[in-house]
Amino acid sequence: MNRITRLFGSVFFRNLRCLNQVVYFRTILLKSRHICTTTNKFAYFSGRVIMSPSRTRKLCDVPTATCWKCSYSYLASVNGEAVFFCPSCDVVQELISDRTYFDIMNCKRTFDLDTKQLTQQFRSLQSQLHPDKFSLKSEMEQNLSSLQSSLLNEAYQMLLKPLARGLYLLELQGLSIQDGNVGSDVEFLSEIMEMNETLENGSEDTLRKLRSQIEDNLELCTKKASDAFNKQDFVAAQEILSQMKYYDNISEQIREKIMT
């Protein structure tokens, strides 16, 4: 039976497409590191783990990286989840320039993110990459962990709030809200002018009510932005995010004025 299994494994291995993209993982790495936590099928031959044939085509499109310490070549992500440690020597890796914040946080590129899940993911990754865990490691590993941890914080803050997340999605499309147009929306501009007047002359109680109203407006805009991104209507998304930016700026000014 073992001979049949080994024979089948040998034939299967020789005929895999994109052979150089198949990555081997030690079982302990799969359990201890945040490399592959989603459900997947594996084929086991000669004590090694290889990705199932159904995943091979997807792996071919994933960029590879090379470990700075042991020169091991590996896939930069597995099942959409970024790899931060070398699968061979288990050392923290260098930054990969073409990763998006969504790649870093191991989440889908979408406006409708589950922020609770995002926070859990952030804490899980930060628990592995925080510089305090590398105080006894080499200087190179300490520097890399600091860079990875800093980038992780940056990605988390960008994706946590709807406005920043939406602006980043536009950026990935080569767009910005400067390209959006709210100048023709007379009703909206009139509303903003009235809010600015209230900001200048309103009492603290009035400002608190105005801020509550702005929060309601932002919630409505967030729903509209979600619909726009789901439809890939980036022109509409630009306009909505431009309005959100106005509201957010006034809300922040109110917060600062109340605090002072």
C-alpha atoms as a PDB file:
ATOM      1  CA  MET A   1       0.000   0.000   0.000  1.00  0.00           C
ATOM      2  CA  ASN A   2       2.860   2.388   0.873  1.00  0.00           C
ATOM      3  CA  ARG A   3       4.542   1.604  -2.461  1.00  0.00           C
ATOM      4  CA  ILE A   4       1.316   2.436  -4.345  1.00  0.00           C
ATOM      5  CA  THR A   5       0.955   5.699  -2.418  1.00  0.00           C
ATOM      6  CA  ARG A   6       4.554   6.677  -3.132  1.00  0.00           C
ATOM      7  CA  LEU A   7       4.192   5.742  -6.807  1.00  0.00           C
ATOM      8  CA  PHE A   8       0.994   7.764  -7.158  1.00  0.00           C
ATOM      9  CA  GLY A   9       2.645  10.687  -5.355  1.00  0.00           C
ATOM     10  CA  SER A  10       5.633  10.577  -7.694  1.00  0.00           C
ATOM     11  CA  VAL A  11       3.466  10.624 -10.827  1.00  0.00           C
ATOM     12  CA  PHE A  12       1.226  13.308  -9.408  1.00  0.00           C
ATOM     13  CA  PHE A  13       4.208  15.459  -8.473  1.00  0.00           C
ATOM     14  CA  ARG A  14       5.904  15.211 -11.872  1.00  0.00           C
ATOM     15  CA  ASN A  15       2.742  16.298 -13.652  1.00  0.00           C
ATOM     16  CA  LEU A  16       1.863  19.284 -11.528  1.00  0.00           C
ATOM     17  CA  ARG A  17       1.616  22.471 -13.539  1.00  0.00           C
ATOM     18  CA  CYS A  18       3.793  25.324 -12.429  1.00  0.00           C
ATOM     19  CA  LEU A  19       5.997  22.967 -10.463  1.00  0.00           C
ATOM     20  CA  ASN A  20       8.271  25.709  -9.213  1.00  0.00           C
ATOM     21  CA  GLN A  21       5.315  27.440  -7.546  1.00  0.00           C
ATOM     22  CA  VAL A  22       4.448  24.540  -5.273  1.00  0.00           C
ATOM     23  CA  VAL A  23       5.515  25.273  -1.747  1.00  0.00           C
ATOM     24  CA  TYR A  24       6.323  22.778   0.959  1.00  0.00           C
ATOM     25  CA  PHE A  25       5.352  23.462   4.520  1.00  0.00           C
ATOM     26  CA  ARG A  26       6.320  21.781   7.704  1.00  0.00           C
ATOM     27  CA  THR A  27       3.236  20.755   9.676  1.00  0.00           C
ATOM     28  CA  ILE A  28       4.448  22.671  12.715  1.00  0.00           C
ATOM     29  CA  LEU A  29       4.553  25.914  10.722  1.00  0.00           C
ATOM     30  CA  LEU A  30       0.982  25.471   9.591  1.00  0.00           C
ATOM     31  CA  LYS A  31      -0.075  25.235  13.223  1.00  0.00           C
ATOM     32  CA  SER A  32       2.170  27.855  14.793  1.00  0.00           C
ATOM     33  CA  ARG A  33       2.401  30.663  12.256  1.00  0.00           C
ATOM     34  CA  HIS A  34      -0.216  32.786  10.544  1.00  0.00           C
ATOM     35  CA  ILE A  35       0.492  31.302   7.135  1.00  0.00           C
ATOM     36  CA  CYS A  36      -2.613  29.347   6.274  1.00  0.00           C
ATOM     37  CA  THR A  37      -5.592  29.391   8.607  1.00  0.00           C
ATOM     38  CA  THR A  38      -8.409  28.921   6.124  1.00  0.00           C
ATOM     39  CA  THR A  39      -9.856  25.511   5.302  1.00  0.00           C
ATOM     40  CA  ASN A  40      -7.962  23.813   2.511  1.00  0.00           C
ATOM     41  CA  LYS A  41      -7.176  20.373   1.182  1.00  0.00           C
ATOM     42  CA  PHE A  42      -3.653  19.015   1.267  1.00  0.00           C
ATOM     43  CA  ALA A  43      -2.026  15.996  -0.323  1.00  0.00           C
ATOM     44  CA  TYR A  44       0.620  14.217   1.707  1.00  0.00           C
ATOM     45  CA  PHE A  45       3.517  12.377   0.106  1.00  0.00           C
ATOM     46  CA  SER A  46       6.829  11.329   1.637  1.00  0.00           C
ATOM     47  CA  GLY A  47       6.073  13.228   4.829  1.00  0.00           C
ATOM     48  CA  ARG A  48       5.706  16.565   3.032  1.00  0.00           C
ATOM     49  CA  VAL A  49       2.708  18.773   2.437  1.00  0.00           C
ATOM     50  CA  ILE A  50       1.797  20.149  -0.967  1.00  0.00           C
ATOM     51  CA  MET A  51      -1.148  22.188  -2.111  1.00  0.00           C
ATOM     52  CA  SER A  52      -3.995  20.295  -3.717  1.00  0.00           C
ATOM     53  CA  PRO A  53      -4.287  20.357  -7.544  1.00  0.00           C
ATOM     54  CA  SER A  54      -7.355  22.593  -7.384  1.00  0.00           C
ATOM     55  CA  ARG A  55      -5.236  25.312  -5.792  1.00  0.00           C
ATOM     56  CA  THR A  56      -2.220  25.022  -8.089  1.00  0.00           C
ATOM     57  CA  ARG A  57      -3.482  27.395 -10.784  1.00  0.00           C
ATOM     58  CA  LYS A  58      -4.148  30.105  -8.206  1.00  0.00           C
ATOM     59  CA  LEU A  59      -0.677  29.645  -6.757  1.00  0.00           C
ATOM     60  CA  CYS A  60       0.841  30.321 -10.187  1.00  0.00           C
ATOM     61  CA  ASP A  61      -0.443  33.902 -10.042  1.00  0.00           C
ATOM     62  CA  VAL A  62       0.947  34.605  -6.578  1.00  0.00           C
ATOM     63  CA  PRO A  63       4.271  36.504  -6.428  1.00  0.00           C
ATOM     64  CA  THR A  64       7.223  34.797  -4.811  1.00  0.00           C
ATOM     65  CA  ALA A  65       9.776  36.105  -2.348  1.00  0.00           C
ATOM     66  CA  THR A  66      13.196  34.944  -1.210  1.00  0.00           C
ATOM     67  CA  CYS A  67      14.227  34.662   2.426  1.00  0.00           C
ATOM     68  CA  TRP A  68      16.991  37.130   3.254  1.00  0.00           C
ATOM     69  CA  LYS A  69      18.602  34.644   5.642  1.00  0.00           C
ATOM     70  CA  CYS A  70      18.416  31.172   4.064  1.00  0.00           C
ATOM     71  CA  SER A  71      17.605  32.154   0.428  1.00  0.00           C
ATOM     72  CA  TYR A  72      14.533  29.927   0.425  1.00  0.00           C
ATOM     73  CA  SER A  73      11.979  30.876  -2.253  1.00  0.00           C
ATOM     74  CA  TYR A  74       8.363  30.892  -1.114  1.00  0.00           C
ATOM     75  CA  LEU A  75       4.929  32.225  -2.063  1.00  0.00           C
ATOM     76  CA  ALA A  76       4.353  35.722  -0.693  1.00  0.00           C
ATOM     77  CA  SER A  77       0.785  34.757   0.219  1.00  0.00           C
ATOM     78  CA  VAL A  78      -1.189  31.553   0.680  1.00  0.00           C
ATOM     79  CA  ASN A  79      -4.967  31.484   0.177  1.00  0.00           C
ATOM     80  CA  GLY A  80      -4.897  35.279   0.168  1.00  0.00           C
ATOM     81  CA  GLU A  81      -3.063  35.470   3.489  1.00  0.00           C
ATOM     82  CA  ALA A  82       0.264  37.277   3.630  1.00  0.00           C
ATOM     83  CA  VAL A  83       3.326  35.288   4.709  1.00  0.00           C
ATOM     84  CA  PHE A  84       5.490  37.156   7.209  1.00  0.00           C
ATOM     85  CA  PHE A  85       7.866  34.347   8.209  1.00  0.00           C
ATOM     86  CA  CYS A  86      10.076  32.140   6.090  1.00  0.00           C
ATOM     87  CA  PRO A  87       8.451  28.688   5.810  1.00  0.00           C
ATOM     88  CA  SER A  88      11.928  27.129   5.930  1.00  0.00           C
ATOM     89  CA  CYS A  89      13.898  28.888   8.691  1.00  0.00           C
ATOM     90  CA  ASP A  90      10.974  30.608  10.475  1.00  0.00           C
ATOM     91  CA  VAL A  91      12.612  34.058  10.387  1.00  0.00           C
ATOM     92  CA  VAL A  92      10.650  37.295   9.991  1.00  0.00           C
ATOM     93  CA  GLN A  93      10.858  38.545   6.418  1.00  0.00           C
ATOM     94  CA  GLU A  94      11.498  41.822   4.630  1.00  0.00           C
ATOM     95  CA  LEU A  95       8.677  44.087   3.438  1.00  0.00           C
ATOM     96  CA  ILE A  96       7.117  43.229   0.090  1.00  0.00           C
ATOM     97  CA  SER A  97       6.519  46.442  -1.825  1.00  0.00           C
ATOM     98  CA  ASP A  98       3.529  45.433  -3.958  1.00  0.00           C
ATOM     99  CA  ARG A  99       1.336  44.328  -1.048  1.00  0.00           C
ATOM    100  CA  THR A 100      -1.795  46.359  -0.444  1.00  0.00           C
ATOM    101  CA  TYR A 101      -3.125  47.099   3.014  1.00  0.00           C
ATOM    102  CA  PHE A 102      -5.799  44.502   2.333  1.00  0.00           C
ATOM    103  CA  ASP A 103      -3.063  41.939   1.592  1.00  0.00           C
ATOM    104  CA  ILE A 104      -1.231  42.819   4.792  1.00  0.00           C
ATOM    105  CA  MET A 105      -4.385  42.460   6.886  1.00  0.00           C
ATOM    106  CA  ASN A 106      -5.347  39.223   5.081  1.00  0.00           C
ATOM    107  CA  CYS A 107      -8.801  40.474   4.097  1.00  0.00           C
ATOM    108  CA  LYS A 108     -10.809  40.943   0.926  1.00  0.00           C
ATOM    109  CA  ARG A 109     -10.404  44.115  -1.094  1.00  0.00           C
ATOM    110  CA  THR A 110     -13.847  45.488  -0.364  1.00  0.00           C
ATOM    111  CA  PHE A 111     -15.470  48.520   1.219  1.00  0.00           C
ATOM    112  CA  ASP A 112     -17.716  46.330   3.386  1.00  0.00           C
ATOM    113  CA  LEU A 113     -15.216  45.074   5.930  1.00  0.00           C
ATOM    114  CA  ASP A 114     -16.162  43.484   9.222  1.00  0.00           C
ATOM    115  CA  THR A 115     -14.269  45.811  11.570  1.00  0.00           C
ATOM    116  CA  LYS A 116     -14.503  43.381  14.495  1.00  0.00           C
ATOM    117  CA  GLN A 117     -12.868  40.689  12.415  1.00  0.00           C
ATOM    118  CA  LEU A 118     -10.328  43.226  11.172  1.00  0.00           C
ATOM    119  CA  THR A 119      -9.417  44.103  14.755  1.00  0.00           C
ATOM    120  CA  GLN A 120      -9.059  40.442  15.692  1.00  0.00           C
ATOM    121  CA  GLN A 121      -6.819  39.893  12.692  1.00  0.00           C
ATOM    122  CA  PHE A 122      -4.726  42.913  13.616  1.00  0.00           C
ATOM    123  CA  ARG A 123      -4.212  41.701  17.161  1.00  0.00           C
ATOM    124  CA  SER A 124      -3.348  38.202  15.971  1.00  0.00           C
ATOM    125  CA  LEU A 125      -0.720  39.459  13.527  1.00  0.00           C
ATOM    126  CA  GLN A 126       0.615  42.062  15.931  1.00  0.00           C
ATOM    127  CA  SER A 127       1.110  39.389  18.578  1.00  0.00           C
ATOM    128  CA  GLN A 128       3.509  37.690  16.152  1.00  0.00           C
ATOM    129  CA  LEU A 129       5.264  40.747  14.727  1.00  0.00           C
ATOM    130  CA  HIS A 130       5.526  43.123  17.677  1.00  0.00           C
ATOM    131  CA  PRO A 131       9.164  44.196  18.290  1.00  0.00           C
ATOM    132  CA  ASP A 132       8.987  43.096  21.938  1.00  0.00           C
ATOM    133  CA  LYS A 133       8.952  39.486  20.752  1.00  0.00           C
ATOM    134  CA  PHE A 134      12.290  40.009  18.975  1.00  0.00           C
ATOM    135  CA  SER A 135      14.321  41.621  21.748  1.00  0.00           C
ATOM    136  CA  LEU A 136      16.655  38.604  21.893  1.00  0.00           C
ATOM    137  CA  LYS A 137      16.896  38.161  18.133  1.00  0.00           C
ATOM    138  CA  SER A 138      19.488  39.545  15.742  1.00  0.00           C
ATOM    139  CA  GLU A 139      19.597  43.233  14.882  1.00  0.00           C
ATOM    140  CA  MET A 140      18.262  42.473  11.403  1.00  0.00           C
ATOM    141  CA  GLU A 141      15.257  40.608  12.805  1.00  0.00           C
ATOM    142  CA  GLN A 142      14.581  43.400  15.293  1.00  0.00           C
ATOM    143  CA  ASN A 143      14.607  45.998  12.509  1.00  0.00           C
ATOM    144  CA  LEU A 144      12.372  43.906  10.263  1.00  0.00           C
ATOM    145  CA  SER A 145       9.863  43.216  13.015  1.00  0.00           C
ATOM    146  CA  SER A 146       9.720  46.944  13.756  1.00  0.00           C
ATOM    147  CA  LEU A 147       9.054  47.721  10.083  1.00  0.00           C
ATOM    148  CA  GLN A 148       6.448  44.979   9.737  1.00  0.00           C
ATOM    149  CA  SER A 149       4.701  46.016  12.950  1.00  0.00           C
ATOM    150  CA  SER A 150       4.652  49.675  11.878  1.00  0.00           C
ATOM    151  CA  LEU A 151       3.230  48.776   8.470  1.00  0.00           C
ATOM    152  CA  LEU A 152       0.633  46.588  10.143  1.00  0.00           C
ATOM    153  CA  ASN A 153      -0.490  49.534  12.298  1.00  0.00           C
ATOM    154  CA  GLU A 154      -0.659  51.739   9.218  1.00  0.00           C
ATOM    155  CA  ALA A 155      -2.766  49.200   7.336  1.00  0.00           C
ATOM    156  CA  TYR A 156      -5.115  48.729  10.277  1.00  0.00           C
ATOM    157  CA  GLN A 157      -5.724  52.454  10.744  1.00  0.00           C
ATOM    158  CA  MET A 158      -6.334  52.914   7.013  1.00  0.00           C
ATOM    159  CA  LEU A 159      -8.910  50.126   6.774  1.00  0.00           C
ATOM    160  CA  LEU A 160     -10.659  50.648  10.103  1.00  0.00           C
ATOM    161  CA  LYS A 161     -12.731  53.747   9.218  1.00  0.00           C
ATOM    162  CA  PRO A 162     -15.083  53.842   6.194  1.00  0.00           C
ATOM    163  CA  LEU A 163     -13.830  57.185   4.844  1.00  0.00           C
ATOM    164  CA  ALA A 164     -10.137  56.259   4.909  1.00  0.00           C
ATOM    165  CA  ARG A 165     -10.937  52.781   3.539  1.00  0.00           C
ATOM    166  CA  GLY A 166     -12.964  54.255   0.674  1.00  0.00           C
ATOM    167  CA  LEU A 167     -10.247  56.766  -0.196  1.00  0.00           C
ATOM    168  CA  TYR A 168      -7.707  53.964  -0.255  1.00  0.00           C
ATOM    169  CA  LEU A 169      -9.898  51.877  -2.564  1.00  0.00           C
ATOM    170  CA  LEU A 170     -10.077  54.862  -4.911  1.00  0.00           C
ATOM    171  CA  GLU A 171      -6.300  55.217  -4.695  1.00  0.00           C
ATOM    172  CA  LEU A 172      -5.893  51.598  -5.785  1.00  0.00           C
ATOM    173  CA  GLN A 173      -7.944  52.538  -8.856  1.00  0.00           C
ATOM    174  CA  GLY A 174      -5.726  55.536  -9.547  1.00  0.00           C
ATOM    175  CA  LEU A 175      -8.450  57.958  -8.391  1.00  0.00           C
ATOM    176  CA  SER A 176      -8.883  60.525  -5.642  1.00  0.00           C
ATOM    177  CA  ILE A 177     -11.654  62.746  -4.319  1.00  0.00           C
ATOM    178  CA  GLN A 178      -9.925  65.752  -5.907  1.00  0.00           C
ATOM    179  CA  ASP A 179     -11.270  64.294  -9.139  1.00  0.00           C
ATOM    180  CA  GLY A 180     -14.781  64.112  -7.698  1.00  0.00           C
ATOM    181  CA  ASN A 181     -17.251  66.974  -8.176  1.00  0.00           C
ATOM    182  CA  VAL A 182     -19.620  68.283  -5.529  1.00  0.00           C
ATOM    183  CA  GLY A 183     -19.584  71.836  -6.859  1.00  0.00           C
ATOM    184  CA  SER A 184     -22.849  71.358  -8.723  1.00  0.00           C
ATOM    185  CA  ASP A 185     -24.684  70.028  -5.663  1.00  0.00           C
ATOM    186  CA  VAL A 186     -26.131  73.333  -4.481  1.00  0.00           C
ATOM    187  CA  GLU A 187     -28.174  71.744  -1.696  1.00  0.00           C
ATOM    188  CA  PHE A 188     -25.148  70.014  -0.221  1.00  0.00           C
ATOM    189  CA  LEU A 189     -22.971  73.135  -0.398  1.00  0.00           C
ATOM    190  CA  SER A 190     -25.701  75.188   1.289  1.00  0.00           C
ATOM    191  CA  GLU A 191     -25.860  72.605   4.065  1.00  0.00           C
ATOM    192  CA  ILE A 192     -22.100  72.808   4.562  1.00  0.00           C
ATOM    193  CA  MET A 193     -22.224  76.626   4.722  1.00  0.00           C
ATOM    194  CA  GLU A 194     -24.936  76.484   7.402  1.00  0.00           C
ATOM    195  CA  MET A 195     -22.913  73.951   9.391  1.00  0.00           C
ATOM    196  CA  ASN A 196     -19.851  76.193   9.236  1.00  0.00           C
ATOM    197  CA  GLU A 197     -21.883  79.142  10.486  1.00  0.00           C
ATOM    198  CA  THR A 198     -23.171  77.036  13.384  1.00  0.00           C
ATOM    199  CA  LEU A 199     -19.620  75.931  14.076  1.00  0.00           C
ATOM    200  CA  GLU A 200     -18.522  79.557  14.410  1.00  0.00           C
ATOM    201  CA  ASN A 201     -21.396  80.875  16.500  1.00  0.00           C
ATOM    202  CA  GLY A 202     -23.210  77.914  18.074  1.00  0.00           C
ATOM    203  CA  SER A 203     -23.266  77.050  21.769  1.00  0.00           C
ATOM    204  CA  GLU A 204     -21.762  73.826  23.062  1.00  0.00           C
ATOM    205  CA  ASP A 205     -25.182  72.183  23.216  1.00  0.00           C
ATOM    206  CA  THR A 206     -25.906  73.258  19.627  1.00  0.00           C
ATOM    207  CA  LEU A 207     -22.543  71.919  18.488  1.00  0.00           C
ATOM    208  CA  ARG A 208     -23.193  68.558  20.108  1.00  0.00           C
ATOM    209  CA  LYS A 209     -26.516  68.302  18.303  1.00  0.00           C
ATOM    210  CA  LEU A 210     -24.841  69.275  15.044  1.00  0.00           C
ATOM    211  CA  ARG A 211     -22.207  66.622  15.515  1.00  0.00           C
ATOM    212  CA  SER A 212     -24.909  64.009  16.123  1.00  0.00           C
ATOM    213  CA  GLN A 213     -26.602  65.103  12.914  1.00  0.00           C
ATOM    214  CA  ILE A 214     -23.291  64.798  11.044  1.00  0.00           C
ATOM    215  CA  GLU A 215     -22.789  61.270  12.373  1.00  0.00           C
ATOM    216  CA  ASP A 216     -26.206  60.329  10.985  1.00  0.00           C
ATOM    217  CA  ASN A 217     -25.247  61.859   7.633  1.00  0.00           C
ATOM    218  CA  LEU A 218     -21.971  59.923   7.613  1.00  0.00           C
ATOM    219  CA  GLU A 219     -23.801  56.681   8.320  1.00  0.00           C
ATOM    220  CA  LEU A 220     -26.122  57.307   5.367  1.00  0.00           C
ATOM    221  CA  CYS A 221     -23.190  58.210   3.133  1.00  0.00           C
ATOM    222  CA  THR A 222     -21.400  55.024   4.172  1.00  0.00           C
ATOM    223  CA  LYS A 223     -24.335  52.945   2.950  1.00  0.00           C
ATOM    224  CA  LYS A 224     -24.377  54.866  -0.345  1.00  0.00           C
ATOM    225  CA  ALA A 225     -20.625  54.386  -0.742  1.00  0.00           C
ATOM    226  CA  SER A 226     -21.033  50.666  -0.145  1.00  0.00           C
ATOM    227  CA  ASP A 227     -23.579  50.454  -2.962  1.00  0.00           C
ATOM    228  CA  ALA A 228     -21.331  52.465  -5.274  1.00  0.00           C
ATOM    229  CA  PHE A 229     -18.276  50.278  -4.658  1.00  0.00           C
ATOM    230  CA  ASN A 230     -20.318  47.083  -4.999  1.00  0.00           C
ATOM    231  CA  LYS A 231     -21.481  48.330  -8.397  1.00  0.00           C
ATOM    232  CA  GLN A 232     -17.932  49.501  -9.207  1.00  0.00           C
ATOM    233  CA  ASP A 233     -19.368  52.947  -9.826  1.00  0.00           C
ATOM    234  CA  PHE A 234     -16.227  54.855  -8.879  1.00  0.00           C
ATOM    235  CA  VAL A 235     -17.562  58.211 -10.077  1.00  0.00           C
ATOM    236  CA  ALA A 236     -20.427  57.972  -7.598  1.00  0.00           C
ATOM    237  CA  ALA A 237     -18.009  56.761  -4.924  1.00  0.00           C
ATOM    238  CA  GLN A 238     -15.848  59.854  -5.496  1.00  0.00           C
ATOM    239  CA  GLU A 239     -18.799  62.182  -4.997  1.00  0.00           C
ATOM    240  CA  ILE A 240     -20.016  60.394  -1.872  1.00  0.00           C
ATOM    241  CA  LEU A 241     -16.555  60.256  -0.300  1.00  0.00           C
ATOM    242  CA  SER A 242     -16.076  63.949  -1.068  1.00  0.00           C
ATOM    243  CA  GLN A 243     -19.228  64.675   0.930  1.00  0.00           C
ATOM    244  CA  MET A 244     -18.034  62.392   3.722  1.00  0.00           C
ATOM    245  CA  LYS A 245     -14.762  64.318   3.834  1.00  0.00           C
ATOM    246  CA  TYR A 246     -16.626  67.601   4.342  1.00  0.00           C
ATOM    247  CA  TYR A 247     -18.749  66.104   7.100  1.00  0.00           C
ATOM    248  CA  ASP A 248     -15.762  64.478   8.773  1.00  0.00           C
ATOM    249  CA  ASN A 249     -13.775  67.734   8.793  1.00  0.00           C
ATOM    250  CA  ILE A 250     -16.619  69.649  10.438  1.00  0.00           C
ATOM    251  CA  SER A 251     -17.149  66.865  12.979  1.00  0.00           C
ATOM    252  CA  GLU A 252     -13.464  66.974  13.897  1.00  0.00           C
ATOM    253  CA  GLN A 253     -13.560  70.763  14.283  1.00  0.00           C
ATOM    254  CA  ILE A 254     -16.571  70.444  16.585  1.00  0.00           C
ATOM    255  CA  ARG A 255     -14.759  67.838  18.672  1.00  0.00           C
ATOM    256  CA  GLU A 256     -11.709  70.062  19.055  1.00  0.00           C
ATOM    257  CA  LYS A 257     -13.841  73.109  19.909  1.00  0.00           C
ATOM    258  CA  ILE A 258     -15.830  71.242  22.559  1.00  0.00           C
ATOM    259  CA  MET A 259     -12.687  69.786  24.118  1.00  0.00           C
ATOM    260  CA  THR A 260     -11.025  73.197  24.388  1.00  0.00           C
END
